[in-house]
Amino acid sequence: MIARNSYIERKLSPIIQEKLFKGKAILLMGARQTGKTTLLKFLFSGRKITSFSVFSR
């Protein structure tokens, strides 16, 4: 659970929320430790989510 008072709002949040549940997948990619998982946990708080990590060699 992420405390709302310590969460930093991302510019991407409203864009993702607008696209949710439109029958398509949303891919969130980026560098390590940039807040991708935190963003998803915040947007989907109270819902079950599945996330995948892909590692390249």
N, C-alpha and C. Protein backbone atom coordinates (compact mmCIF):
# COMPACT_ATOMS: atom_id res chain seq x y z
N MET A 1 0.85 -1.18 0.00
CA MET A 1 0.00 0.00 0.00
C MET A 1 0.89 1.24 0.00
N ILE A 2 0.56 2.18 -0.84
CA ILE A 2 1.34 3.41 -0.96
C ILE A 2 0.54 4.56 -0.36
N ALA A 3 1.17 5.28 0.55
CA ALA A 3 0.50 6.42 1.19
C ALA A 3 0.33 7.53 0.17
N ARG A 4 -0.89 8.01 0.03
CA ARG A 4 -1.17 9.06 -0.96
C ARG A 4 -0.38 10.34 -0.68
N ASN A 5 -0.08 10.62 0.57
CA ASN A 5 0.63 11.86 0.87
C ASN A 5 2.12 11.78 0.52
N SER A 6 2.65 10.56 0.27
CA SER A 6 4.05 10.43 -0.10
C SER A 6 4.24 10.08 -1.57
N TYR A 7 3.13 9.94 -2.31
CA TYR A 7 3.19 9.57 -3.72
C TYR A 7 3.45 10.80 -4.57
N ILE A 8 4.37 10.69 -5.51
CA ILE A 8 4.66 11.77 -6.44
C ILE A 8 3.84 11.54 -7.71
N GLU A 9 2.95 12.44 -8.03
CA GLU A 9 2.09 12.30 -9.21
C GLU A 9 2.95 12.32 -10.47
N ARG A 10 2.71 11.37 -11.35
CA ARG A 10 3.43 11.30 -12.62
C ARG A 10 2.56 11.87 -13.73
N LYS A 11 3.18 12.51 -14.71
CA LYS A 11 2.44 13.05 -15.85
C LYS A 11 1.76 11.94 -16.64
N LEU A 12 2.28 10.72 -16.53
CA LEU A 12 1.75 9.59 -17.27
C LEU A 12 0.48 9.02 -16.64
N SER A 13 0.23 9.30 -15.37
CA SER A 13 -0.92 8.72 -14.66
C SER A 13 -2.25 8.95 -15.37
N PRO A 14 -2.62 10.18 -15.72
CA PRO A 14 -3.92 10.37 -16.37
C PRO A 14 -4.00 9.72 -17.75
N ILE A 15 -2.88 9.64 -18.44
CA ILE A 15 -2.87 9.00 -19.76
C ILE A 15 -3.16 7.51 -19.62
N ILE A 16 -2.53 6.87 -18.66
CA ILE A 16 -2.77 5.45 -18.42
C ILE A 16 -4.22 5.23 -17.98
N GLN A 17 -4.71 6.04 -17.06
CA GLN A 17 -6.08 5.89 -16.57
C GLN A 17 -7.10 6.04 -17.70
N GLU A 18 -6.84 6.93 -18.63
CA GLU A 18 -7.74 7.15 -19.76
C GLU A 18 -7.80 5.92 -20.67
N LYS A 19 -6.70 5.22 -20.78
CA LYS A 19 -6.60 4.07 -21.68
C LYS A 19 -7.01 2.75 -21.04
N LEU A 20 -7.21 2.73 -19.72
CA LEU A 20 -7.53 1.49 -19.02
C LEU A 20 -8.85 0.90 -19.47
N PHE A 21 -8.90 -0.41 -19.48
CA PHE A 21 -10.13 -1.17 -19.73
C PHE A 21 -10.74 -0.88 -21.11
N LYS A 22 -9.88 -0.63 -22.08
CA LYS A 22 -10.32 -0.41 -23.46
C LYS A 22 -10.10 -1.67 -24.31
N GLY A 23 -9.78 -2.79 -23.65
CA GLY A 23 -9.58 -4.05 -24.37
C GLY A 23 -8.19 -4.25 -24.93
N LYS A 24 -7.27 -3.42 -24.55
CA LYS A 24 -5.89 -3.53 -25.03
C LYS A 24 -4.95 -3.64 -23.84
N ALA A 25 -3.76 -4.13 -24.11
CA ALA A 25 -2.73 -4.21 -23.07
C ALA A 25 -1.99 -2.88 -22.99
N ILE A 26 -1.52 -2.56 -21.82
CA ILE A 26 -0.70 -1.36 -21.63
C ILE A 26 0.68 -1.82 -21.20
N LEU A 27 1.67 -1.43 -21.95
CA LEU A 27 3.06 -1.77 -21.63
C LEU A 27 3.72 -0.57 -20.98
N LEU A 28 4.32 -0.79 -19.86
CA LEU A 28 5.03 0.27 -19.15
C LEU A 28 6.49 -0.14 -19.07
N MET A 29 7.31 0.55 -19.84
CA MET A 29 8.73 0.20 -19.91
C MET A 29 9.57 1.40 -19.49
N GLY A 30 10.74 1.10 -18.95
CA GLY A 30 11.63 2.18 -18.56
C GLY A 30 12.84 1.67 -17.82
N ALA A 31 13.71 2.57 -17.49
CA ALA A 31 14.94 2.24 -16.77
C ALA A 31 14.62 1.73 -15.37
N ARG A 32 15.59 1.09 -14.77
CA ARG A 32 15.44 0.57 -13.42
C ARG A 32 15.21 1.71 -12.42
N GLN A 33 14.40 1.40 -11.43
CA GLN A 33 14.17 2.29 -10.28
C GLN A 33 13.66 3.68 -10.67
N THR A 34 12.74 3.71 -11.63
CA THR A 34 12.16 4.99 -12.03
C THR A 34 10.71 5.14 -11.59
N GLY A 35 10.18 4.12 -10.87
CA GLY A 35 8.83 4.24 -10.32
C GLY A 35 7.75 3.52 -11.10
N LYS A 36 8.11 2.63 -11.98
CA LYS A 36 7.10 1.92 -12.79
C LYS A 36 6.18 1.09 -11.90
N THR A 37 6.74 0.29 -11.03
CA THR A 37 5.93 -0.55 -10.14
C THR A 37 5.13 0.30 -9.17
N THR A 38 5.73 1.35 -8.65
CA THR A 38 5.03 2.26 -7.73
C THR A 38 3.83 2.89 -8.43
N LEU A 39 4.00 3.31 -9.66
CA LEU A 39 2.91 3.90 -10.43
C LEU A 39 1.77 2.91 -10.59
N LEU A 40 2.09 1.67 -10.96
CA LEU A 40 1.04 0.66 -11.14
C LEU A 40 0.34 0.34 -9.82
N LYS A 41 1.11 0.21 -8.76
CA LYS A 41 0.50 -0.08 -7.45
C LYS A 41 -0.44 1.05 -7.03
N PHE A 42 -0.07 2.28 -7.33
CA PHE A 42 -0.91 3.41 -6.99
C PHE A 42 -2.19 3.43 -7.83
N LEU A 43 -2.04 3.23 -9.14
CA LEU A 43 -3.20 3.26 -10.03
C LEU A 43 -4.16 2.11 -9.78
N PHE A 44 -3.62 0.97 -9.36
CA PHE A 44 -4.45 -0.22 -9.18
C PHE A 44 -4.62 -0.60 -7.72
N SER A 45 -4.50 0.35 -6.82
CA SER A 45 -4.65 0.03 -5.40
C SER A 45 -6.04 -0.55 -5.17
N GLY A 46 -6.08 -1.65 -4.45
CA GLY A 46 -7.35 -2.32 -4.20
C GLY A 46 -7.73 -3.33 -5.27
N ARG A 47 -6.92 -3.48 -6.30
CA ARG A 47 -7.19 -4.46 -7.37
C ARG A 47 -6.01 -5.42 -7.45
N LYS A 48 -6.29 -6.59 -7.97
CA LYS A 48 -5.22 -7.55 -8.19
C LYS A 48 -4.58 -7.26 -9.53
N ILE A 49 -3.26 -7.16 -9.56
CA ILE A 49 -2.55 -6.91 -10.82
C ILE A 49 -1.53 -7.99 -11.05
N THR A 50 -1.20 -8.20 -12.30
CA THR A 50 -0.14 -9.12 -12.68
C THR A 50 0.90 -8.30 -13.42
N SER A 51 2.13 -8.44 -13.00
CA SER A 51 3.20 -7.73 -13.69
C SER A 51 4.30 -8.71 -14.06
N PHE A 52 5.01 -8.40 -15.09
CA PHE A 52 6.08 -9.24 -15.60
C PHE A 52 7.37 -8.43 -15.67
N SER A 53 8.46 -9.10 -15.44
CA SER A 53 9.77 -8.48 -15.62
C SER A 53 10.50 -9.27 -16.70
N VAL A 54 11.05 -8.57 -17.65
CA VAL A 54 11.80 -9.20 -18.72
C VAL A 54 13.24 -8.73 -18.61
N PHE A 55 14.13 -9.67 -18.57
CA PHE A 55 15.55 -9.35 -18.44
C PHE A 55 16.24 -9.71 -19.74
N SER A 56 17.02 -8.82 -20.27
CA SER A 56 17.78 -9.12 -21.48
C SER A 56 19.21 -9.50 -21.09
N ARG A 57 19.81 -10.27 -21.94
CA ARG A 57 21.18 -10.72 -21.66
C ARG A 57 22.19 -9.91 -22.42
